Amino acid sequence: MFLDNNLYIIYAIIIMSVVTYLTRIIPFAFFQYLNNPILRQTGKQLPVCLMAILTLYSIDSLKDFDNHYFINGWIACLVTIGLYLGLKSILTSMVIGTIVYYLLLNKIIAF
């Protein structure tokens, strides 16, 4: 009985993993052959818009905890944007922005 229960859980995890992977890959398989200019433009702009919405929502949700978290979030966001505009490196600006937020959060950088 114990082995059957573990086997059931393993099968469930495998099936859920396959279904999750398929839902992520199927749109790319179908839409790569479409030459619709509206669809291509949406594909270029949507990731940036979603990241902006998620960032603003995340920073806005920080205000429920403490005003310093809200201010620290905006400072780290502005540092990240400034570094990206200067360096043109997404990874570097994200890592340094995260480090700045951590330092602000732990009051290592006094504000």
C-alpha atoms as a PDB file:
ATOM      1  CA  MET A   1       0.000   0.000   0.000  1.00  0.00           C
ATOM      2  CA  PHE A   2       2.840   2.401   0.861  1.00  0.00           C
ATOM      3  CA  LEU A   3       4.575   1.798  -2.458  1.00  0.00           C
ATOM      4  CA  ASP A   4       1.344   2.268  -4.403  1.00  0.00           C
ATOM      5  CA  ASN A   5       0.738   5.620  -2.717  1.00  0.00           C
ATOM      6  CA  ASN A   6       4.253   6.812  -3.553  1.00  0.00           C
ATOM      7  CA  LEU A   7       3.927   5.563  -7.119  1.00  0.00           C
ATOM      8  CA  TYR A   8       0.629   7.424  -7.454  1.00  0.00           C
ATOM      9  CA  ILE A   9       2.293  10.645  -6.291  1.00  0.00           C
ATOM     10  CA  ILE A  10       5.203  10.174  -8.705  1.00  0.00           C
ATOM     11  CA  TYR A  11       2.823   9.570 -11.621  1.00  0.00           C
ATOM     12  CA  ALA A  12       0.774  12.614 -10.646  1.00  0.00           C
ATOM     13  CA  ILE A  13       3.905  14.800 -10.567  1.00  0.00           C
ATOM     14  CA  ILE A  14       5.045  13.488 -13.963  1.00  0.00           C
ATOM     15  CA  ILE A  15       1.641  14.082 -15.552  1.00  0.00           C
ATOM     16  CA  MET A  16       1.351  17.582 -14.086  1.00  0.00           C
ATOM     17  CA  SER A  17       4.870  18.400 -15.310  1.00  0.00           C
ATOM     18  CA  VAL A  18       4.098  17.231 -18.841  1.00  0.00           C
ATOM     19  CA  VAL A  19       0.798  19.151 -18.960  1.00  0.00           C
ATOM     20  CA  THR A  20       2.480  22.306 -17.631  1.00  0.00           C
ATOM     21  CA  TYR A  21       5.283  21.999 -20.183  1.00  0.00           C
ATOM     22  CA  LEU A  22       2.823  21.421 -23.031  1.00  0.00           C
ATOM     23  CA  THR A  23       0.774  24.490 -22.132  1.00  0.00           C
ATOM     24  CA  ARG A  24       3.948  26.542 -22.332  1.00  0.00           C
ATOM     25  CA  ILE A  25       5.282  25.079 -25.596  1.00  0.00           C
ATOM     26  CA  ILE A  26       2.107  24.690 -27.694  1.00  0.00           C
ATOM     27  CA  PRO A  27       1.603  28.431 -28.368  1.00  0.00           C
ATOM     28  CA  PHE A  28       5.135  28.688 -29.731  1.00  0.00           C
ATOM     29  CA  ALA A  29       4.618  25.656 -31.950  1.00  0.00           C
ATOM     30  CA  PHE A  30       1.394  26.997 -33.453  1.00  0.00           C
ATOM     31  CA  PHE A  31       2.079  30.719 -33.671  1.00  0.00           C
ATOM     32  CA  GLN A  32       5.540  30.581 -35.216  1.00  0.00           C
ATOM     33  CA  TYR A  33       4.014  30.024 -38.661  1.00  0.00           C
ATOM     34  CA  LEU A  34       1.550  32.898 -38.477  1.00  0.00           C
ATOM     35  CA  ASN A  35       2.583  36.029 -40.336  1.00  0.00           C
ATOM     36  CA  ASN A  36      -0.018  38.302 -38.800  1.00  0.00           C
ATOM     37  CA  PRO A  37       1.613  41.717 -38.122  1.00  0.00           C
ATOM     38  CA  ILE A  38      -0.730  42.475 -35.202  1.00  0.00           C
ATOM     39  CA  LEU A  39       0.187  39.183 -33.530  1.00  0.00           C
ATOM     40  CA  ARG A  40       3.899  39.810 -34.041  1.00  0.00           C
ATOM     41  CA  GLN A  41       3.639  43.349 -32.631  1.00  0.00           C
ATOM     42  CA  THR A  42       1.713  42.060 -29.619  1.00  0.00           C
ATOM     43  CA  GLY A  43       4.366  39.406 -29.083  1.00  0.00           C
ATOM     44  CA  LYS A  44       7.046  42.091 -28.998  1.00  0.00           C
ATOM     45  CA  GLN A  45       5.220  44.483 -26.663  1.00  0.00           C
ATOM     46  CA  LEU A  46       3.370  42.145 -24.306  1.00  0.00           C
ATOM     47  CA  PRO A  47       6.374  40.869 -22.278  1.00  0.00           C
ATOM     48  CA  VAL A  48       7.524  44.423 -21.545  1.00  0.00           C
ATOM     49  CA  CYS A  49       4.009  45.496 -20.559  1.00  0.00           C
ATOM     50  CA  LEU A  50       3.556  42.483 -18.303  1.00  0.00           C
ATOM     51  CA  MET A  51       6.880  43.117 -16.573  1.00  0.00           C
ATOM     52  CA  ALA A  52       5.939  46.763 -16.007  1.00  0.00           C
ATOM     53  CA  ILE A  53       2.557  45.777 -14.557  1.00  0.00           C
ATOM     54  CA  LEU A  54       4.120  43.143 -12.293  1.00  0.00           C
ATOM     55  CA  THR A  55       6.792  45.572 -11.102  1.00  0.00           C
ATOM     56  CA  LEU A  56       4.299  48.323 -10.308  1.00  0.00           C
ATOM     57  CA  TYR A  57       1.970  45.867  -8.590  1.00  0.00           C
ATOM     58  CA  SER A  58       4.833  44.480  -6.509  1.00  0.00           C
ATOM     59  CA  ILE A  59       6.004  47.908  -5.432  1.00  0.00           C
ATOM     60  CA  ASP A  60       2.423  49.000  -4.710  1.00  0.00           C
ATOM     61  CA  SER A  61       1.808  45.948  -2.535  1.00  0.00           C
ATOM     62  CA  LEU A  62       4.838  46.862  -0.404  1.00  0.00           C
ATOM     63  CA  LYS A  63       3.044  49.940   0.942  1.00  0.00           C
ATOM     64  CA  ASP A  64       0.758  47.699   2.999  1.00  0.00           C
ATOM     65  CA  PHE A  65       3.693  46.646   5.157  1.00  0.00           C
ATOM     66  CA  ASP A  66       5.592  49.838   5.826  1.00  0.00           C
ATOM     67  CA  ASN A  67       6.289  53.149   4.119  1.00  0.00           C
ATOM     68  CA  HIS A  68      10.011  52.382   4.124  1.00  0.00           C
ATOM     69  CA  TYR A  69       9.424  49.221   2.093  1.00  0.00           C
ATOM     70  CA  PHE A  70       7.482  51.279  -0.437  1.00  0.00           C
ATOM     71  CA  ILE A  71      10.230  53.909  -0.679  1.00  0.00           C
ATOM     72  CA  ASN A  72      12.942  51.248  -0.788  1.00  0.00           C
ATOM     73  CA  GLY A  73      11.127  49.457  -3.610  1.00  0.00           C
ATOM     74  CA  TRP A  74      10.942  52.602  -5.713  1.00  0.00           C
ATOM     75  CA  ILE A  75      14.583  53.476  -5.031  1.00  0.00           C
ATOM     76  CA  ALA A  76      15.707  49.989  -6.081  1.00  0.00           C
ATOM     77  CA  CYS A  77      13.473  50.155  -9.153  1.00  0.00           C
ATOM     78  CA  LEU A  78      14.902  53.519 -10.199  1.00  0.00           C
ATOM     79  CA  VAL A  79      18.452  52.231  -9.645  1.00  0.00           C
ATOM     80  CA  THR A  80      17.656  49.201 -11.816  1.00  0.00           C
ATOM     81  CA  ILE A  81      16.168  51.370 -14.586  1.00  0.00           C
ATOM     82  CA  GLY A  82      19.103  53.792 -14.446  1.00  0.00           C
ATOM     83  CA  LEU A  83      21.650  50.989 -14.604  1.00  0.00           C
ATOM     84  CA  TYR A  84      19.842  49.378 -17.518  1.00  0.00           C
ATOM     85  CA  LEU A  85      19.737  52.659 -19.441  1.00  0.00           C
ATOM     86  CA  GLY A  86      23.437  53.183 -18.761  1.00  0.00           C
ATOM     87  CA  LEU A  87      24.787  49.652 -19.151  1.00  0.00           C
ATOM     88  CA  LYS A  88      22.190  48.066 -21.472  1.00  0.00           C
ATOM     89  CA  SER A  89      22.553  44.835 -19.509  1.00  0.00           C
ATOM     90  CA  ILE A  90      19.334  43.397 -18.109  1.00  0.00           C
ATOM     91  CA  LEU A  91      21.020  40.821 -15.878  1.00  0.00           C
ATOM     92  CA  THR A  92      23.527  43.251 -14.370  1.00  0.00           C
ATOM     93  CA  SER A  93      20.907  45.886 -13.663  1.00  0.00           C
ATOM     94  CA  MET A  94      18.525  43.342 -12.100  1.00  0.00           C
ATOM     95  CA  VAL A  95      21.219  41.864  -9.863  1.00  0.00           C
ATOM     96  CA  ILE A  96      22.495  45.254  -8.703  1.00  0.00           C
ATOM     97  CA  GLY A  97      18.921  46.533  -8.213  1.00  0.00           C
ATOM     98  CA  THR A  98      18.137  43.478  -6.074  1.00  0.00           C
ATOM     99  CA  ILE A  99      21.300  44.037  -4.041  1.00  0.00           C
ATOM    100  CA  VAL A 100      20.377  47.699  -3.524  1.00  0.00           C
ATOM    101  CA  TYR A 101      16.899  46.686  -2.356  1.00  0.00           C
ATOM    102  CA  TYR A 102      18.389  44.138   0.046  1.00  0.00           C
ATOM    103  CA  LEU A 103      20.800  46.723   1.450  1.00  0.00           C
ATOM    104  CA  LEU A 104      17.995  49.261   1.843  1.00  0.00           C
ATOM    105  CA  LEU A 105      15.706  46.679   3.404  1.00  0.00           C
ATOM    106  CA  ASN A 106      18.292  45.698   6.000  1.00  0.00           C
ATOM    107  CA  LYS A 107      19.197  49.320   6.671  1.00  0.00           C
ATOM    108  CA  ILE A 108      22.770  48.821   5.520  1.00  0.00           C
ATOM    109  CA  ILE A 109      22.265  51.860   3.288  1.00  0.00           C
ATOM    110  CA  ALA A 110      20.674  54.500   5.489  1.00  0.00           C
ATOM    111  CA  PHE A 111      17.797  56.438   3.995  1.00  0.00           C
END
